[in-house]
Amino acid sequence: MALFQIMGNKERKSRRKVFRLWFSKRRSRADAASHLSEISDDDGQDDVYMNGLSVMSLDRRPCILNNELRIFVGTWNVAGRSPVGSLAVDLDEWLNLKEAADIYVLGFQEIVPLKPKTVIGAEDPTEATNWNVLVGKTLNSKYGGAWLTPMVNPITNDNYRYDQATESDSRLRNDYEIVSARGQSRTEYKLSDCVGSYKLMASKKMVGVFISVWMRRTLLKKYCVSEVKVSSVACGIMGYLGNKGSVSVSMSIGGTSFCFVAAHLASGEKKGDEGKRNRQVTEIFRRTSFPRLTEDCHKNHPLTILGHDQIFWFGDLNYRLYLEDNLARELIKRKNWSALQEFDQLGKELEDGGVFQGWQEGDIEFAPTYKYSSSNCNRYSGGLPSRAGEKQRTPAWCDRILWYGKGVKQLSYFRSESKFSDHRPVSALFSVLVKDQKCAHSSLVPFPPFSPLRNS
């Protein structure tokens, strides 16, 4: 009997030793985990085998994987013109559907003429809705048949909050509509009838500035998409009218927060006009906010633009060239884009660390996007000999796309050749890293069966 007691004591000591080693190893792993960008909980290395005893992890820590998404960002000043059916070809080129993205973020400027009636009067969602209809039809056209999508009216106030779990807000109802090519005939369908590949997540209009965000429906099944909010800042006439300013969308995908800012800044190419634009950028940073609501589940969601993980700022930013008109046109004729960029006002802001300190822009390898003749051609407005009724404007890269934050890689940056307005549309395709946070799981601690010791 003494022999069995000795054996029992040894086995109990062995078990205690195993547990001490295991907890020590877990503690050292926890310290090291903070330095890793990815943590995997299925490699089985937390198991300790000793003397035939297997100790499994008591808990499973959250698994954070960096997944890649492709985001298309586009900007287009449409010069107050309404969308027409013939624009489908132009949109197809601009959206670059040959390289389909996971998310499309589109910024428009001057979707209505900037006249006193539209600037001071009540917001009219008609033109924004028409653009949403055309964009939705274009994005989903390759699937053929009728296009069904959620209601495409823009969000009317800044207190909007999208709830992925229930989609219970008044704008995203369970009734869907089918819209004809001209947007006139409508028929109600149930949610189960929807076949569109891209879902309108948010769209916001302020006078002529408009943003529209679309996402693959498959992403809504794969990720937790939350805290979709909008914000608008008017900083035009008298500093508070909406002929100039920004509309923004904030959202979280998995564990990564995004902010998309579509802006239309002050025009003018006189000396000192760039200062007006810089001040408006500062105002947009200061006044854009995404307040937390009482029902928000993510209390750490960013309140400001710069609080987000990844930020995209785009639009008719109106920065011009520090260069005489005839010299600018000569460099354009030679397609010497690098020499022309030496005189670019926004490039100087980025280089000198001005209002866009820390922001990035891809290499510009295309001709200036503004201002083209109103005669629907490929000729810049003005120049010599001058033409009657044309504005004399030095060509410039007014339409730009910037980004800020880690985990963003630009894949392309180009302009399209639509002659719809006096601006050429610009777009960029990005590869971004998204943290896909999995919920923690717990598991029991299994032991191999063993025969209890008997006293004899």
Protein backbone atom coordinates (compact mmCIF):
# COMPACT_ATOMS: atom_id res chain seq x y z
CA MET A 1 0.00 0.00 0.00
CA ALA A 2 2.88 2.38 0.75
CA LEU A 3 4.13 1.78 -2.81
CA PHE A 4 0.80 2.88 -4.31
CA GLN A 5 0.77 5.99 -2.11
CA ILE A 6 4.25 6.94 -3.32
CA MET A 7 3.12 6.41 -6.94
CA GLY A 8 0.01 8.54 -6.33
CA ASN A 9 2.05 11.36 -4.82
CA LYS A 10 4.43 11.32 -7.79
CA GLU A 11 1.56 11.46 -10.30
CA ARG A 12 -0.09 14.35 -8.47
CA LYS A 13 3.23 16.24 -8.42
CA SER A 14 3.64 15.54 -12.14
CA ARG A 15 0.19 16.98 -12.83
CA ARG A 16 0.95 20.13 -10.81
CA LYS A 17 4.20 20.55 -12.73
CA VAL A 18 2.36 20.26 -16.03
CA PHE A 19 -0.14 22.94 -15.06
CA ARG A 20 2.63 25.30 -13.85
CA LEU A 21 4.46 24.89 -17.18
CA TRP A 22 1.27 25.39 -19.14
CA PHE A 23 0.20 28.59 -17.36
CA SER A 24 3.73 29.95 -17.60
CA LYS A 25 3.73 29.32 -21.33
CA ARG A 26 0.31 30.99 -21.73
CA ARG A 27 1.52 34.07 -19.84
CA SER A 28 4.60 34.45 -22.06
CA ARG A 29 2.47 33.94 -25.17
CA ALA A 30 0.08 36.70 -24.07
CA ASP A 31 2.99 39.12 -23.65
CA ALA A 32 4.31 38.31 -27.11
CA ALA A 33 0.91 38.45 -28.81
CA SER A 34 0.71 42.23 -28.52
CA HIS A 35 3.57 42.51 -31.02
CA LEU A 36 1.88 40.39 -33.67
CA SER A 37 -0.51 41.63 -36.34
CA GLU A 38 -2.18 38.26 -36.71
CA ILE A 39 -3.08 35.75 -34.04
CA SER A 40 -4.21 32.29 -34.96
CA ASP A 41 -5.98 30.02 -32.53
CA ASP A 42 -5.87 26.82 -34.51
CA ASP A 43 -2.19 25.96 -34.67
CA GLY A 44 -2.40 23.58 -31.68
CA GLN A 45 0.84 24.85 -30.19
CA ASP A 46 -0.78 25.71 -26.87
CA ASP A 47 -1.19 22.04 -26.05
CA VAL A 48 1.29 20.50 -23.63
CA TYR A 49 2.04 16.81 -23.74
CA MET A 50 3.85 15.27 -20.79
CA ASN A 51 3.66 11.83 -19.26
CA GLY A 52 0.70 11.00 -21.48
CA LEU A 53 -1.33 13.98 -20.19
CA SER A 54 -2.87 16.41 -22.70
CA VAL A 55 -3.86 19.90 -21.53
CA MET A 56 -5.92 21.92 -24.02
CA SER A 57 -6.41 25.68 -23.96
CA LEU A 58 -9.04 26.74 -21.43
CA ASP A 59 -10.11 29.65 -23.67
CA ARG A 60 -9.73 30.76 -27.26
CA ARG A 61 -8.54 34.32 -27.66
CA PRO A 62 -10.08 36.51 -30.42
CA CYS A 63 -8.58 35.69 -33.80
CA ILE A 64 -7.71 38.85 -35.79
CA LEU A 65 -7.05 38.30 -39.48
CA ASN A 66 -6.10 41.04 -41.92
CA ASN A 67 -8.23 40.45 -45.00
CA GLU A 68 -7.87 42.36 -48.27
CA LEU A 69 -10.68 44.36 -49.87
CA ARG A 70 -10.71 46.44 -53.05
CA ILE A 71 -12.22 49.91 -52.80
CA PHE A 72 -13.01 52.07 -55.82
CA VAL A 73 -13.07 55.82 -55.17
CA GLY A 74 -14.30 58.19 -57.87
CA THR A 75 -14.98 61.92 -58.20
CA TRP A 76 -16.79 63.86 -60.89
CA ASN A 77 -17.95 67.46 -61.22
CA VAL A 78 -20.95 67.13 -63.55
CA ALA A 79 -21.44 70.90 -64.07
CA GLY A 80 -25.09 71.01 -63.00
CA ARG A 81 -26.28 68.54 -65.62
CA SER A 82 -28.87 65.83 -64.99
CA PRO A 83 -27.93 62.19 -65.68
CA VAL A 84 -29.22 60.76 -68.95
CA GLY A 85 -29.44 57.22 -70.30
CA SER A 86 -26.61 57.81 -72.76
CA LEU A 87 -24.27 58.24 -69.77
CA ALA A 88 -24.28 54.46 -69.21
CA VAL A 89 -21.23 54.03 -71.46
CA ASP A 90 -19.40 56.87 -69.70
CA LEU A 91 -20.20 55.39 -66.30
CA ASP A 92 -19.00 51.97 -67.38
CA GLU A 93 -15.60 53.44 -68.29
CA TRP A 94 -15.39 55.55 -65.15
CA LEU A 95 -16.32 52.69 -62.79
CA ASN A 96 -13.81 50.38 -64.52
CA LEU A 97 -16.11 47.37 -64.19
CA LYS A 98 -13.52 45.10 -65.83
CA GLU A 99 -11.79 45.17 -62.43
CA ALA A 100 -14.82 44.96 -60.17
CA ALA A 101 -14.28 46.30 -56.65
CA ASP A 102 -15.84 45.22 -53.37
CA ILE A 103 -16.88 48.75 -52.46
CA TYR A 104 -17.67 51.74 -54.70
CA VAL A 105 -17.45 55.22 -53.16
CA LEU A 106 -18.52 57.96 -55.55
CA GLY A 107 -18.34 61.69 -55.00
CA PHE A 108 -20.15 64.16 -57.25
CA GLN A 109 -20.03 67.93 -57.36
CA GLU A 110 -22.58 70.31 -58.90
CA ILE A 111 -25.30 67.71 -59.43
CA VAL A 112 -27.52 70.81 -59.48
CA PRO A 113 -26.66 74.27 -60.88
CA LEU A 114 -25.20 76.48 -58.15
CA LYS A 115 -27.86 79.17 -58.38
CA PRO A 116 -29.40 81.15 -55.46
CA LYS A 117 -32.56 79.02 -55.59
CA THR A 118 -30.67 75.73 -55.13
CA VAL A 119 -28.11 77.10 -52.67
CA ILE A 120 -30.58 78.85 -50.34
CA GLY A 121 -33.73 76.82 -50.98
CA ALA A 122 -34.80 73.49 -49.50
CA GLU A 123 -32.95 70.35 -50.51
CA ASP A 124 -34.44 68.50 -53.48
CA PRO A 125 -33.39 64.82 -53.62
CA THR A 126 -34.48 64.31 -57.25
CA GLU A 127 -31.09 64.59 -58.95
CA ALA A 128 -29.32 62.56 -56.26
CA THR A 129 -31.91 59.82 -56.64
CA ASN A 130 -31.49 59.87 -60.43
CA TRP A 131 -27.73 59.43 -60.07
CA ASN A 132 -28.22 56.56 -57.61
CA VAL A 133 -30.58 54.84 -60.02
CA LEU A 134 -28.11 55.13 -62.90
CA VAL A 135 -25.13 54.02 -60.80
CA GLY A 136 -27.08 51.06 -59.38
CA LYS A 137 -28.19 49.95 -62.84
CA THR A 138 -24.62 50.21 -64.14
CA LEU A 139 -23.07 48.27 -61.23
CA ASN A 140 -25.64 45.48 -61.43
CA SER A 141 -26.20 45.36 -65.19
CA LYS A 142 -23.86 42.43 -65.84
CA TYR A 143 -26.29 40.13 -64.04
CA GLY A 144 -28.96 40.83 -66.66
CA GLY A 145 -32.69 41.20 -66.21
CA ALA A 146 -34.41 43.76 -64.05
CA TRP A 147 -32.43 45.62 -61.44
CA LEU A 148 -33.87 45.51 -57.94
CA THR A 149 -32.36 47.66 -55.22
CA PRO A 150 -33.31 49.28 -51.92
CA MET A 151 -34.92 52.71 -52.07
CA VAL A 152 -32.34 55.04 -53.62
CA ASN A 153 -33.29 58.37 -52.03
CA PRO A 154 -30.37 60.11 -50.26
CA ILE A 155 -30.26 60.46 -46.49
CA THR A 156 -31.96 63.69 -45.47
CA ASN A 157 -30.32 64.35 -42.08
CA ASP A 158 -27.07 63.69 -40.25
CA ASN A 159 -28.65 61.53 -37.52
CA TYR A 160 -28.77 58.53 -39.83
CA ARG A 161 -27.63 55.19 -38.42
CA TYR A 162 -27.58 51.93 -40.38
CA ASP A 163 -28.38 48.75 -38.46
CA GLN A 164 -27.11 45.67 -40.27
CA ALA A 165 -28.88 43.25 -37.98
CA THR A 166 -32.39 44.56 -38.52
CA GLU A 167 -32.23 47.21 -41.25
CA SER A 168 -35.00 48.82 -39.27
CA ASP A 169 -34.50 52.46 -40.22
CA SER A 170 -37.24 54.14 -42.21
CA ARG A 171 -35.14 54.56 -45.33
CA LEU A 172 -34.16 50.91 -45.81
CA ARG A 173 -37.51 49.13 -45.68
CA ASN A 174 -38.20 45.54 -46.67
CA ASP A 175 -39.99 46.72 -49.78
CA TYR A 176 -37.85 46.98 -52.89
CA GLU A 177 -38.55 48.71 -56.14
CA ILE A 178 -37.76 47.95 -59.76
CA VAL A 179 -36.97 51.06 -61.78
CA SER A 180 -37.24 51.36 -65.53
CA ALA A 181 -34.46 52.84 -67.68
CA ARG A 182 -36.04 56.29 -67.33
CA GLY A 183 -36.85 55.86 -63.64
CA GLN A 184 -40.60 56.26 -64.16
CA SER A 185 -42.39 52.92 -63.65
CA ARG A 186 -42.22 51.27 -60.24
CA THR A 187 -43.38 47.91 -58.95
CA GLU A 188 -43.07 46.70 -55.36
CA TYR A 189 -41.21 43.46 -54.59
CA LYS A 190 -40.37 41.61 -51.42
CA LEU A 191 -36.87 41.40 -49.98
CA SER A 192 -36.46 37.77 -51.12
CA ASP A 193 -36.85 38.86 -54.75
CA CYS A 194 -33.77 41.09 -54.70
CA VAL A 195 -31.07 40.01 -57.14
CA GLY A 196 -28.71 43.00 -57.17
CA SER A 197 -25.09 42.26 -56.45
CA TYR A 198 -24.30 45.69 -54.94
CA LYS A 199 -26.23 47.30 -52.09
CA LEU A 200 -26.54 51.03 -51.53
CA MET A 201 -25.18 51.56 -48.03
CA ALA A 202 -25.47 55.35 -47.73
CA SER A 203 -25.86 58.44 -49.87
CA LYS A 204 -25.91 62.05 -48.75
CA LYS A 205 -26.56 65.29 -50.65
CA MET A 206 -25.79 68.89 -49.70
CA VAL A 207 -26.83 71.31 -52.49
CA GLY A 208 -24.57 70.07 -55.31
CA VAL A 209 -22.15 67.91 -53.31
CA PHE A 210 -23.18 64.27 -53.23
CA ILE A 211 -21.70 60.99 -51.99
CA SER A 212 -22.91 57.46 -52.76
CA VAL A 213 -21.47 54.28 -51.20
CA TRP A 214 -22.17 50.80 -52.60
CA MET A 215 -21.03 47.43 -51.24
CA ARG A 216 -21.10 43.84 -52.42
CA ARG A 217 -23.90 41.99 -50.67
CA THR A 218 -21.56 39.08 -49.95
CA LEU A 219 -19.52 41.36 -47.68
CA LEU A 220 -22.55 41.88 -45.47
CA LYS A 221 -22.60 38.15 -44.82
CA LYS A 222 -18.86 37.89 -44.24
CA TYR A 223 -18.23 40.98 -42.09
CA CYS A 224 -19.95 42.91 -39.38
CA VAL A 225 -20.71 46.24 -41.09
CA SER A 226 -21.73 48.75 -38.46
CA GLU A 227 -21.96 52.39 -37.45
CA VAL A 228 -22.75 53.70 -40.94
CA LYS A 229 -23.23 57.42 -40.36
CA VAL A 230 -23.23 60.61 -42.43
CA SER A 231 -22.11 64.18 -41.84
CA SER A 232 -22.24 67.38 -43.89
CA VAL A 233 -20.34 70.65 -43.54
CA ALA A 234 -21.32 73.78 -45.47
CA CYS A 235 -18.54 76.34 -45.76
CA GLY A 236 -19.36 78.26 -48.94
CA ILE A 237 -20.85 81.78 -49.12
CA MET A 238 -20.45 83.60 -45.76
CA GLY A 239 -18.74 80.46 -44.52
CA TYR A 240 -22.00 78.54 -43.96
CA LEU A 241 -23.85 78.04 -47.26
CA GLY A 242 -23.72 74.71 -49.05
CA ASN A 243 -22.42 75.77 -52.46
CA LYS A 244 -19.05 74.61 -51.12
CA GLY A 245 -18.22 72.11 -48.39
CA SER A 246 -18.28 68.36 -47.82
CA VAL A 247 -20.47 65.32 -47.25
CA SER A 248 -18.94 62.36 -45.43
CA VAL A 249 -19.74 58.74 -44.65
CA SER A 250 -18.31 56.87 -41.65
CA MET A 251 -18.54 53.10 -41.26
CA SER A 252 -16.84 50.12 -39.68
CA ILE A 253 -16.11 46.89 -41.52
CA GLY A 254 -15.01 44.14 -39.17
CA GLY A 255 -12.53 45.77 -36.84
CA THR A 256 -11.51 48.61 -39.18
CA SER A 257 -13.11 52.07 -39.33
CA PHE A 258 -13.42 53.98 -42.61
CA CYS A 259 -14.23 57.60 -43.44
CA PHE A 260 -15.05 58.83 -46.95
CA VAL A 261 -15.07 62.60 -47.51
CA ALA A 262 -16.44 64.07 -50.76
CA ALA A 263 -15.62 67.79 -51.00
CA HIS A 264 -16.05 70.80 -53.26
CA LEU A 265 -13.67 73.60 -52.29
CA ALA A 266 -13.42 77.27 -53.22
CA SER A 267 -12.65 78.06 -56.84
CA GLY A 268 -10.32 80.73 -58.23
CA GLU A 269 -6.80 80.89 -59.61
CA LYS A 270 -5.77 84.31 -58.34
CA LYS A 271 -2.89 84.59 -55.90
CA GLY A 272 -4.16 83.80 -52.42
CA ASP A 273 -7.16 81.73 -53.54
CA GLU A 274 -5.38 78.59 -52.36
CA GLY A 275 -5.60 80.04 -48.85
CA LYS A 276 -9.42 79.95 -49.06
CA ARG A 277 -9.27 76.28 -49.94
CA ASN A 278 -6.90 75.54 -47.08
CA ARG A 279 -9.19 77.29 -44.61
CA GLN A 280 -12.17 75.29 -45.86
CA VAL A 281 -10.24 72.05 -45.39
CA THR A 282 -9.49 73.11 -41.82
CA GLU A 283 -13.19 73.86 -41.26
CA ILE A 284 -14.23 70.47 -42.62
CA PHE A 285 -11.81 68.74 -40.27
CA ARG A 286 -13.06 70.80 -37.34
CA ARG A 287 -16.81 70.58 -37.95
CA THR A 288 -17.30 67.07 -39.33
CA SER A 289 -18.57 64.81 -36.55
CA PHE A 290 -20.22 61.44 -36.15
CA PRO A 291 -21.93 61.62 -32.72
CA ARG A 292 -22.49 58.41 -30.81
CA LEU A 293 -26.10 57.53 -30.20
CA THR A 294 -27.40 55.84 -27.07
CA GLU A 295 -28.09 52.61 -28.98
CA ASP A 296 -24.61 52.42 -30.52
CA CYS A 297 -22.99 49.09 -29.75
CA HIS A 298 -19.43 50.20 -30.57
CA LYS A 299 -18.66 52.91 -28.05
CA ASN A 300 -15.16 53.39 -29.45
CA HIS A 301 -16.36 54.35 -32.95
CA PRO A 302 -14.53 57.51 -34.17
CA LEU A 303 -16.17 60.87 -33.64
CA THR A 304 -14.02 62.84 -36.12
CA ILE A 305 -12.45 62.35 -39.54
CA LEU A 306 -8.92 61.77 -38.29
CA GLY A 307 -10.08 59.28 -35.67
CA HIS A 308 -10.67 56.62 -38.35
CA ASP A 309 -8.24 53.90 -39.34
CA GLN A 310 -8.45 54.59 -43.09
CA ILE A 311 -9.64 57.84 -44.67
CA PHE A 312 -10.26 58.88 -48.27
CA TRP A 313 -10.70 62.54 -49.24
CA PHE A 314 -11.76 63.28 -52.81
CA GLY A 315 -13.63 65.77 -54.98
CA ASP A 316 -13.26 68.99 -56.90
CA LEU A 317 -10.62 70.36 -54.58
CA ASN A 318 -9.96 73.22 -57.02
CA TYR A 319 -6.21 73.54 -56.36
CA ARG A 320 -4.54 75.17 -59.37
CA LEU A 321 -1.06 75.72 -60.85
CA TYR A 322 1.48 78.39 -59.89
CA LEU A 323 2.21 78.88 -63.58
CA GLU A 324 1.35 81.21 -66.45
CA ASP A 325 -1.32 79.94 -68.80
CA ASN A 326 0.82 79.71 -71.94
CA LEU A 327 3.60 77.80 -70.13
CA ALA A 328 1.10 75.37 -68.62
CA ARG A 329 -0.43 74.67 -72.03
CA GLU A 330 3.01 74.08 -73.53
CA LEU A 331 3.85 71.46 -70.88
CA ILE A 332 0.46 69.83 -71.44
CA LYS A 333 1.14 69.72 -75.17
CA ARG A 334 4.40 67.89 -74.44
CA LYS A 335 2.64 65.62 -71.90
CA ASN A 336 5.34 66.51 -69.41
CA TRP A 337 3.26 65.75 -66.32
CA SER A 338 6.21 65.59 -63.91
CA ALA A 339 7.36 69.11 -64.85
CA LEU A 340 3.80 70.42 -64.57
CA GLN A 341 3.41 68.92 -61.09
CA GLU A 342 6.27 71.06 -59.83
CA PHE A 343 3.78 73.97 -59.91
CA ASP A 344 0.77 72.15 -58.45
CA GLN A 345 -0.69 73.85 -55.36
CA LEU A 346 -2.02 70.68 -53.73
CA GLY A 347 1.27 68.90 -54.33
CA LYS A 348 2.98 71.72 -52.45
CA GLU A 349 0.54 71.35 -49.55
CA LEU A 350 1.29 67.63 -49.34
CA GLU A 351 5.05 68.18 -49.60
CA ASP A 352 5.24 71.04 -47.11
CA GLY A 353 2.98 69.38 -44.54
CA GLY A 354 0.18 71.95 -44.78
CA VAL A 355 -3.48 71.22 -44.07
CA PHE A 356 -3.03 67.74 -45.54
CA GLN A 357 -0.01 66.82 -43.45
CA GLY A 358 0.61 63.07 -43.57
CA TRP A 359 -1.81 62.46 -46.44
CA GLN A 360 -0.83 60.68 -49.64
CA GLU A 361 -1.68 60.86 -53.32
CA GLY A 362 -0.66 58.55 -56.14
CA ASP A 363 1.49 59.63 -59.07
CA ILE A 364 -0.47 61.76 -61.54
CA GLU A 365 0.17 60.40 -65.01
CA PHE A 366 -2.73 62.01 -66.83
CA ALA A 367 -3.61 65.43 -68.24
CA PRO A 368 -5.25 68.15 -66.12
CA THR A 369 -8.96 67.53 -65.66
CA TYR A 370 -10.26 71.14 -65.80
CA LYS A 371 -11.46 73.30 -67.57
CA TYR A 372 -12.68 71.95 -70.89
CA SER A 373 -14.60 73.96 -73.45
CA SER A 374 -18.36 73.91 -73.09
CA SER A 375 -18.59 72.91 -76.75
CA ASN A 376 -18.33 69.24 -75.80
CA CYS A 377 -14.84 68.63 -77.14
CA ASN A 378 -11.33 67.75 -76.00
CA ARG A 379 -10.11 71.35 -76.05
CA TYR A 380 -9.36 73.31 -72.89
CA SER A 381 -11.33 76.50 -72.40
CA GLY A 382 -9.57 79.76 -73.20
CA GLY A 383 -6.07 80.00 -74.59
CA LEU A 384 -4.94 81.93 -77.63
CA PRO A 385 -6.57 82.94 -79.85
CA SER A 386 -9.39 83.52 -77.40
CA ARG A 387 -12.94 82.60 -78.34
CA ALA A 388 -15.97 84.74 -77.61
CA GLY A 389 -17.93 83.69 -74.54
CA GLU A 390 -15.29 81.28 -73.21
CA LYS A 391 -13.81 81.67 -69.76
CA GLN A 392 -10.06 82.04 -69.67
CA ARG A 393 -8.86 79.33 -67.29
CA THR A 394 -5.43 77.81 -66.89
CA PRO A 395 -5.83 74.01 -67.04
CA ALA A 396 -5.32 72.30 -63.66
CA TRP A 397 -5.76 69.05 -61.76
CA CYS A 398 -8.81 70.20 -59.80
CA ASP A 399 -10.24 66.71 -59.30
CA ARG A 400 -8.19 64.70 -56.81
CA ILE A 401 -8.19 61.64 -54.55
CA LEU A 402 -6.12 61.49 -51.33
CA TRP A 403 -5.85 58.93 -48.56
CA TYR A 404 -4.60 58.67 -44.99
CA GLY A 405 -3.90 55.71 -42.71
CA LYS A 406 -2.14 52.36 -42.64
CA GLY A 407 -3.00 49.30 -44.66
CA VAL A 408 -3.90 51.23 -47.85
CA LYS A 409 -2.27 50.54 -51.20
CA GLN A 410 -3.23 52.37 -54.38
CA LEU A 411 -3.49 50.09 -57.40
CA SER A 412 -4.42 52.66 -60.05
CA TYR A 413 -5.12 56.37 -60.48
CA PHE A 414 -6.55 57.64 -63.74
CA ARG A 415 -9.04 59.91 -65.44
CA SER A 416 -11.85 58.99 -67.80
CA GLU A 417 -12.64 60.74 -71.05
CA SER A 418 -16.34 61.52 -70.75
CA LYS A 419 -17.24 64.84 -72.38
CA PHE A 420 -20.39 65.21 -70.28
CA SER A 421 -19.08 68.25 -68.37
CA ASP A 422 -16.16 70.68 -68.28
CA HIS A 423 -14.40 68.33 -65.82
CA ARG A 424 -13.05 64.87 -66.56
CA PRO A 425 -14.02 62.20 -64.00
CA VAL A 426 -11.17 60.76 -61.92
CA SER A 427 -10.95 57.43 -60.11
CA ALA A 428 -8.59 55.33 -58.04
CA LEU A 429 -8.60 51.68 -57.04
CA PHE A 430 -7.25 50.72 -53.63
CA SER A 431 -6.34 47.53 -51.85
CA VAL A 432 -7.07 47.85 -48.12
CA LEU A 433 -6.53 45.59 -45.14
CA VAL A 434 -9.53 44.94 -42.90
CA LYS A 435 -9.35 43.36 -39.47
CA ASP A 436 -11.79 40.47 -39.38
CA GLN A 437 -12.36 39.97 -35.66
CA LYS A 438 -13.76 36.58 -34.71
CA CYS A 439 -15.58 36.06 -31.44
CA ALA A 440 -13.82 34.22 -28.65
CA HIS A 441 -14.71 30.57 -28.09
CA SER A 442 -14.19 28.48 -24.97
CA SER A 443 -13.32 24.83 -24.77
CA LEU A 444 -13.16 22.27 -22.00
CA VAL A 445 -9.95 20.81 -20.70
CA PRO A 446 -10.03 17.16 -21.72
CA PHE A 447 -7.92 14.55 -19.96
CA PRO A 448 -7.24 11.07 -21.24
CA PRO A 449 -9.05 8.41 -19.22
CA PHE A 450 -7.01 6.79 -16.48
CA SER A 451 -7.74 4.20 -13.81
CA PRO A 452 -8.11 5.58 -10.28
CA LEU A 453 -5.59 4.39 -7.75
CA ARG A 454 -6.84 1.77 -5.36
CA ASN A 455 -5.84 1.22 -1.84
CA SER A 456 -4.85 -2.30 -1.01
